[in-house]
N, C-alpha and C. Protein backbone atom coordinates (compact mmCIF):
# COMPACT_ATOMS: atom_id res chain seq x y z
N UNK A 1 0.83 -1.18 0.00
CA UNK A 1 0.00 0.00 0.00
C UNK A 1 0.88 1.25 0.00
N UNK A 2 0.57 2.18 -0.86
CA UNK A 2 1.36 3.41 -0.97
C UNK A 2 0.80 4.49 -0.05
N UNK A 3 1.70 5.33 0.43
CA UNK A 3 1.32 6.38 1.35
C UNK A 3 2.10 7.66 1.02
N UNK A 4 1.45 8.79 1.13
CA UNK A 4 2.12 10.07 0.98
C UNK A 4 2.33 10.60 2.40
N UNK A 5 3.59 10.78 2.78
CA UNK A 5 3.87 11.24 4.13
C UNK A 5 5.10 12.13 4.17
N UNK A 6 5.39 12.66 5.36
CA UNK A 6 6.51 13.57 5.53
C UNK A 6 7.77 12.80 5.92
N UNK A 7 8.88 13.22 5.35
CA UNK A 7 10.18 12.64 5.64
C UNK A 7 11.03 13.73 6.26
N UNK A 8 11.53 13.53 7.48
CA UNK A 8 12.24 14.58 8.20
C UNK A 8 13.64 14.78 7.63
N UNK A 9 13.98 16.05 7.46
CA UNK A 9 15.30 16.44 6.98
C UNK A 9 15.83 17.51 7.93
N UNK A 10 17.02 17.99 7.70
CA UNK A 10 17.56 19.09 8.49
C UNK A 10 18.35 18.63 9.69
N UNK A 11 19.03 19.59 10.31
CA UNK A 11 19.85 19.29 11.48
C UNK A 11 18.98 19.20 12.74
N UNK A 12 19.62 18.84 13.83
CA UNK A 12 18.94 18.77 15.11
C UNK A 12 18.36 20.14 15.45
N UNK A 13 17.13 20.15 15.91
CA UNK A 13 16.39 21.35 16.31
C UNK A 13 16.01 22.27 15.15
N UNK A 14 16.32 21.89 13.91
CA UNK A 14 15.91 22.69 12.75
C UNK A 14 15.28 21.78 11.70
N UNK A 15 14.10 21.25 11.99
CA UNK A 15 13.51 20.30 11.05
C UNK A 15 12.93 20.98 9.81
N UNK A 16 13.01 20.28 8.72
CA UNK A 16 12.25 20.59 7.51
C UNK A 16 11.83 19.22 6.98
N UNK A 17 10.83 19.21 6.15
CA UNK A 17 10.26 17.93 5.73
C UNK A 17 10.10 17.88 4.22
N UNK A 18 10.29 16.70 3.66
CA UNK A 18 9.96 16.42 2.27
C UNK A 18 8.68 15.62 2.27
N UNK A 19 7.80 15.93 1.36
CA UNK A 19 6.58 15.15 1.19
C UNK A 19 6.89 14.09 0.14
N UNK A 20 6.83 12.82 0.52
CA UNK A 20 7.25 11.75 -0.36
C UNK A 20 6.20 10.65 -0.46
N UNK A 21 6.27 9.88 -1.54
CA UNK A 21 5.43 8.70 -1.73
C UNK A 21 6.29 7.49 -1.35
N UNK A 22 5.79 6.68 -0.41
CA UNK A 22 6.54 5.52 0.08
C UNK A 22 5.63 4.31 0.21
N UNK A 23 6.26 3.16 0.34
CA UNK A 23 5.54 1.96 0.74
C UNK A 23 5.21 2.13 2.21
N UNK A 24 4.01 1.81 2.62
CA UNK A 24 3.58 2.08 4.00
C UNK A 24 4.43 1.33 5.03
N UNK A 25 5.13 0.28 4.62
CA UNK A 25 5.95 -0.49 5.57
C UNK A 25 7.35 0.09 5.74
N UNK A 26 7.73 1.06 4.91
CA UNK A 26 9.07 1.65 4.98
C UNK A 26 9.20 2.53 6.22
N UNK A 27 10.40 2.62 6.81
CA UNK A 27 10.60 3.50 7.96
C UNK A 27 10.48 4.97 7.57
N UNK A 28 10.32 5.84 8.56
CA UNK A 28 10.07 7.27 8.31
C UNK A 28 11.09 7.89 7.37
N UNK A 29 12.37 7.62 7.59
CA UNK A 29 13.40 8.21 6.74
C UNK A 29 14.04 7.19 5.81
N UNK A 30 13.29 6.14 5.48
CA UNK A 30 13.81 5.11 4.58
C UNK A 30 13.68 5.52 3.12
N UNK A 31 13.83 4.54 2.26
CA UNK A 31 13.76 4.78 0.81
C UNK A 31 12.36 5.24 0.42
N UNK A 32 12.30 6.12 -0.58
CA UNK A 32 11.02 6.59 -1.07
C UNK A 32 10.96 6.45 -2.58
N UNK A 33 9.75 6.50 -3.12
CA UNK A 33 9.54 6.31 -4.55
C UNK A 33 9.70 7.64 -5.29
N UNK A 34 9.05 8.70 -4.78
CA UNK A 34 9.11 10.00 -5.45
C UNK A 34 8.84 11.11 -4.45
N UNK A 35 9.54 12.22 -4.63
CA UNK A 35 9.30 13.41 -3.81
C UNK A 35 8.25 14.25 -4.50
N UNK A 36 7.22 14.66 -3.74
CA UNK A 36 6.12 15.42 -4.34
C UNK A 36 5.92 16.79 -3.69
N UNK A 37 6.74 17.14 -2.71
CA UNK A 37 6.58 18.44 -2.09
C UNK A 37 7.59 18.69 -0.99
N UNK A 38 7.43 19.84 -0.32
CA UNK A 38 8.36 20.29 0.71
C UNK A 38 7.58 21.08 1.75
N UNK A 39 7.97 20.95 3.03
CA UNK A 39 7.32 21.69 4.11
C UNK A 39 8.36 22.17 5.09
N UNK A 40 8.38 23.49 5.36
CA UNK A 40 9.30 24.07 6.32
C UNK A 40 8.49 24.79 7.39
N UNK A 41 8.37 24.21 8.60
CA UNK A 41 7.54 24.82 9.64
C UNK A 41 8.23 25.96 10.38
N UNK A 42 9.50 26.22 10.13
CA UNK A 42 10.25 27.20 10.93
C UNK A 42 10.17 28.63 10.41
N UNK A 43 9.66 28.85 9.23
CA UNK A 43 9.52 30.21 8.72
C UNK A 43 8.32 30.88 9.40
N UNK A 44 8.22 32.23 9.31
CA UNK A 44 7.12 32.95 9.97
C UNK A 44 5.76 32.41 9.55
N UNK A 45 5.55 32.29 8.26
CA UNK A 45 4.38 31.56 7.77
C UNK A 45 4.93 30.26 7.19
N UNK A 46 4.55 29.12 7.76
CA UNK A 46 5.14 27.85 7.31
C UNK A 46 5.09 27.71 5.78
N UNK A 47 6.23 27.38 5.21
CA UNK A 47 6.36 27.25 3.76
C UNK A 47 5.92 25.86 3.33
N UNK A 48 4.92 25.81 2.47
CA UNK A 48 4.42 24.54 1.94
C UNK A 48 4.49 24.60 0.43
N UNK A 49 5.25 23.69 -0.16
CA UNK A 49 5.42 23.65 -1.61
C UNK A 49 4.97 22.27 -2.06
N UNK A 50 3.87 22.20 -2.81
CA UNK A 50 3.31 20.91 -3.24
C UNK A 50 3.23 20.90 -4.77
N UNK A 51 3.74 19.84 -5.38
CA UNK A 51 3.62 19.66 -6.82
C UNK A 51 2.29 18.95 -7.09
N UNK A 52 1.28 19.74 -7.43
CA UNK A 52 -0.09 19.23 -7.54
C UNK A 52 -0.23 18.09 -8.54
N UNK A 53 0.42 18.21 -9.68
CA UNK A 53 0.28 17.18 -10.73
C UNK A 53 0.72 15.81 -10.19
N UNK A 54 1.87 15.79 -9.53
CA UNK A 54 2.39 14.52 -9.01
C UNK A 54 1.50 13.97 -7.90
N UNK A 55 1.04 14.83 -7.01
CA UNK A 55 0.19 14.38 -5.90
C UNK A 55 -1.11 13.82 -6.44
N UNK A 56 -1.72 14.51 -7.40
CA UNK A 56 -2.97 14.01 -7.97
C UNK A 56 -2.78 12.67 -8.65
N UNK A 57 -1.66 12.51 -9.35
CA UNK A 57 -1.37 11.24 -10.03
C UNK A 57 -1.32 10.10 -9.00
N UNK A 58 -0.60 10.32 -7.90
CA UNK A 58 -0.46 9.27 -6.90
C UNK A 58 -1.76 9.01 -6.15
N UNK A 59 -2.53 10.05 -5.86
CA UNK A 59 -3.81 9.85 -5.18
C UNK A 59 -4.77 9.07 -6.06
N UNK A 60 -4.76 9.34 -7.36
CA UNK A 60 -5.64 8.60 -8.28
C UNK A 60 -5.18 7.15 -8.46
N UNK A 61 -3.88 6.89 -8.21
CA UNK A 61 -3.36 5.52 -8.30
C UNK A 61 -3.47 4.76 -6.99
N UNK A 62 -4.14 5.33 -5.99
CA UNK A 62 -4.42 4.59 -4.77
C UNK A 62 -3.57 4.92 -3.56
N UNK A 63 -2.70 5.91 -3.63
CA UNK A 63 -1.91 6.30 -2.46
C UNK A 63 -2.81 7.04 -1.48
N UNK A 64 -2.59 6.83 -0.19
CA UNK A 64 -3.37 7.53 0.82
C UNK A 64 -2.46 8.46 1.61
N UNK A 65 -2.92 9.69 1.90
CA UNK A 65 -2.08 10.63 2.64
C UNK A 65 -2.11 10.35 4.14
N UNK A 66 -0.99 10.68 4.81
CA UNK A 66 -0.96 10.59 6.27
C UNK A 66 -1.76 11.77 6.84
N UNK A 67 -1.96 11.81 8.13
CA UNK A 67 -2.76 12.86 8.76
C UNK A 67 -2.29 14.27 8.46
N UNK A 68 -1.01 14.61 8.76
CA UNK A 68 -0.55 15.97 8.48
C UNK A 68 -0.58 16.32 6.99
N UNK A 69 -0.26 15.37 6.14
CA UNK A 69 -0.28 15.62 4.69
C UNK A 69 -1.72 15.85 4.24
N UNK A 70 -2.65 15.08 4.77
CA UNK A 70 -4.06 15.25 4.40
C UNK A 70 -4.54 16.65 4.74
N UNK A 71 -4.15 17.18 5.90
CA UNK A 71 -4.53 18.54 6.29
C UNK A 71 -3.97 19.57 5.30
N UNK A 72 -2.72 19.39 4.90
CA UNK A 72 -2.11 20.33 3.94
C UNK A 72 -2.82 20.28 2.60
N UNK A 73 -3.17 19.07 2.16
CA UNK A 73 -3.85 18.92 0.87
C UNK A 73 -5.25 19.50 0.91
N UNK A 74 -5.95 19.35 2.04
CA UNK A 74 -7.28 19.95 2.19
C UNK A 74 -7.19 21.47 2.15
N UNK A 75 -6.18 22.01 2.81
CA UNK A 75 -5.99 23.46 2.86
C UNK A 75 -5.78 24.04 1.46
N UNK A 76 -5.08 23.31 0.61
CA UNK A 76 -4.82 23.75 -0.76
C UNK A 76 -5.94 23.38 -1.73
N UNK A 77 -6.90 22.54 -1.29
CA UNK A 77 -8.00 22.14 -2.16
C UNK A 77 -7.68 21.03 -3.12
N UNK A 78 -6.58 20.32 -2.88
CA UNK A 78 -6.17 19.26 -3.79
C UNK A 78 -7.01 18.01 -3.60
N UNK A 79 -7.41 17.70 -2.36
CA UNK A 79 -8.23 16.51 -2.13
C UNK A 79 -9.59 16.63 -2.78
N UNK A 80 -10.12 17.85 -2.88
CA UNK A 80 -11.41 18.05 -3.53
C UNK A 80 -11.35 17.68 -5.01
N UNK A 81 -10.20 17.91 -5.64
CA UNK A 81 -10.05 17.59 -7.06
C UNK A 81 -10.07 16.09 -7.30
N UNK A 82 -9.60 15.31 -6.34
CA UNK A 82 -9.56 13.86 -6.50
C UNK A 82 -10.93 13.26 -6.38
N UNK A 83 -11.76 13.81 -5.50
CA UNK A 83 -13.09 13.24 -5.24
C UNK A 83 -14.07 13.50 -6.35
N UNK A 84 -13.74 14.41 -7.29
CA UNK A 84 -14.66 14.71 -8.40
C UNK A 84 -14.73 13.59 -9.39
């Protein structure tokens, strides 16, 4: 089963995250299939960069988003496009 989730990057105390498509059994920072976005919570307004085309492709192919990723996709209106 495929999952879209966050992969932690950055040094200690300065996290940033990549939004990646992985096998659900893979560890948090293990191998991933494709990077589909980026999230930096440390800026004044958290920076969220999502490649919509790639995310839509994976969602239509059966990948399910994790909780935090699902919230980001809802905020951008990407999940609404899949349900149509």
